Amino acid sequence: MAFAVNLQQLPAVDHIAELQLLDAQGQVTASIANQPGKAGSVRVYAALAAQYGCINVAAAQQGLQWFAEHTEAARAHPGSHPNIDRLFAIIANGQTLQVRLLPQPQSANGGSQAAST
């Protein structure tokens, strides 16, 4: 399936501001901000963490399937998709990363305000 179709099957991440990846010592090794151009990666990594409890080899293999056509593009052009490159590295070295989800800040009134017209 195409990446866009796969994304539709994964839980929404609107409540997440940033996803952090932590090594075995609990140090942040990478972070992915939930912003345009990276929101799909946040969605994939968050779903992997929910399903596997961490990002390990099995999770990374699943992630590469979910990234679909972007996986082959990343393989052909290393460095062009760093969040996919990270999954290749996890598979290659057997690394496990823990995931920390940082929530979106709450507005002062407890909800979003509609734009006035």
Protein backbone atom coordinates (compact mmCIF):
# COMPACT_ATOMS: atom_id res chain seq x y z
CA MET A 1 0.00 0.00 0.00
CA ALA A 2 1.01 3.60 -0.50
CA PHE A 3 2.32 5.65 2.42
CA ALA A 4 -0.72 7.98 2.38
CA VAL A 5 -3.08 5.00 2.62
CA ASN A 6 -1.02 3.45 5.42
CA LEU A 7 -1.08 6.72 7.38
CA GLN A 8 -4.88 6.78 7.30
CA GLN A 9 -4.86 3.43 9.14
CA LEU A 10 -2.68 4.75 12.00
CA PRO A 11 -3.90 6.67 15.06
CA ALA A 12 -3.96 10.46 14.88
CA VAL A 13 -1.12 12.36 16.58
CA ASP A 14 -2.63 15.84 16.84
CA HIS A 15 -2.10 15.71 20.61
CA ILE A 16 1.67 15.12 20.22
CA ALA A 17 4.05 18.08 19.92
CA GLU A 18 7.24 16.04 19.64
CA LEU A 19 8.39 12.44 19.72
CA GLN A 20 11.75 11.71 21.36
CA LEU A 21 13.85 8.58 20.91
CA LEU A 22 15.97 7.46 23.87
CA ASP A 23 18.93 5.07 23.98
CA ALA A 24 19.55 2.37 26.62
CA GLN A 25 20.96 5.03 29.00
CA GLY A 26 17.81 7.15 28.68
CA GLN A 27 19.54 9.84 26.64
CA VAL A 28 17.61 11.51 23.83
CA THR A 29 19.27 10.44 20.59
CA ALA A 30 16.75 12.01 18.23
CA SER A 31 13.52 13.95 18.23
CA ILE A 32 10.84 14.43 15.62
CA ALA A 33 8.68 17.54 15.86
CA ASN A 34 5.05 17.13 14.84
CA GLN A 35 5.11 19.68 12.04
CA PRO A 36 4.48 19.67 8.30
CA GLY A 37 6.94 17.39 6.55
CA LYS A 38 7.53 15.33 9.69
CA ALA A 39 4.00 14.61 10.94
CA GLY A 40 3.88 11.35 8.98
CA SER A 41 7.04 10.13 10.69
CA VAL A 42 5.62 11.09 14.09
CA ARG A 43 2.49 9.10 13.26
CA VAL A 44 4.48 6.03 12.17
CA TYR A 45 6.88 6.10 15.13
CA ALA A 46 4.05 6.69 17.64
CA ALA A 47 2.06 3.77 16.22
CA LEU A 48 5.16 1.55 16.34
CA ALA A 49 5.76 2.50 19.97
CA ALA A 50 2.12 1.75 20.82
CA GLN A 51 2.27 -1.63 19.10
CA TYR A 52 5.77 -2.78 20.16
CA GLY A 53 6.41 -0.75 23.32
CA CYS A 54 9.66 0.56 21.80
CA ILE A 55 11.42 0.83 18.46
CA ASN A 56 13.26 -2.47 18.07
CA VAL A 57 14.13 -4.59 15.04
CA ALA A 58 10.58 -5.92 14.62
CA ALA A 59 9.12 -2.42 14.96
CA ALA A 60 11.65 -1.03 12.48
CA GLN A 61 10.75 -3.71 9.94
CA GLN A 62 7.06 -2.84 10.31
CA GLY A 63 7.89 0.85 10.02
CA LEU A 64 9.67 0.29 6.72
CA GLN A 65 6.53 -1.41 5.40
CA TRP A 66 4.36 1.49 6.53
CA PHE A 67 6.69 4.05 4.92
CA ALA A 68 6.02 2.15 1.66
CA GLU A 69 7.41 3.94 -1.42
CA HIS A 70 9.50 6.25 0.77
CA THR A 71 11.48 3.24 2.01
CA GLU A 72 12.86 2.53 -1.47
CA ALA A 73 13.58 6.23 -2.01
CA ALA A 74 15.51 6.30 1.27
CA ARG A 75 17.44 3.16 0.32
CA ALA A 76 18.36 4.69 -3.06
CA HIS A 77 19.27 8.10 -1.58
CA PRO A 78 20.73 7.71 1.94
CA GLY A 79 20.28 10.84 4.01
CA SER A 80 17.18 12.01 2.16
CA HIS A 81 14.82 10.43 4.71
CA PRO A 82 16.61 10.41 8.10
CA ASN A 83 13.67 8.92 9.99
CA ILE A 84 13.66 5.96 7.61
CA ASP A 85 17.48 5.75 7.68
CA ARG A 86 17.19 5.38 11.46
CA LEU A 87 14.97 2.30 10.99
CA PHE A 88 17.55 0.78 8.63
CA ALA A 89 20.22 1.38 11.30
CA ILE A 90 18.11 -0.22 14.05
CA ILE A 91 17.71 -3.34 11.90
CA ALA A 92 21.41 -3.40 11.02
CA ASN A 93 22.71 -3.05 14.59
CA GLY A 94 19.90 -4.60 16.65
CA GLN A 95 19.43 -1.39 18.62
CA THR A 96 16.33 -0.69 20.70
CA LEU A 97 15.09 2.84 21.33
CA GLN A 98 12.48 3.89 23.85
CA VAL A 99 9.92 6.50 22.84
CA ARG A 100 8.79 9.56 24.78
CA LEU A 101 5.78 11.50 23.53
CA LEU A 102 5.63 15.18 24.45
CA PRO A 103 2.07 16.52 24.40
CA GLN A 104 0.89 19.67 22.69
CA PRO A 105 0.65 22.56 25.18
CA GLN A 106 -2.86 23.29 26.42
CA SER A 107 -4.32 26.69 25.69
CA ALA A 108 -5.09 28.99 28.62
CA ASN A 109 -8.85 28.46 28.33
CA GLY A 110 -8.57 24.68 28.05
CA GLY A 111 -9.52 24.53 24.38
CA SER A 112 -8.86 26.07 21.04
CA GLN A 113 -10.50 29.29 20.05
CA ALA A 114 -12.29 29.64 16.76
CA ALA A 115 -10.95 32.30 14.46
CA SER A 116 -13.19 35.32 14.25
CA THR A 117 -14.39 36.52 10.89
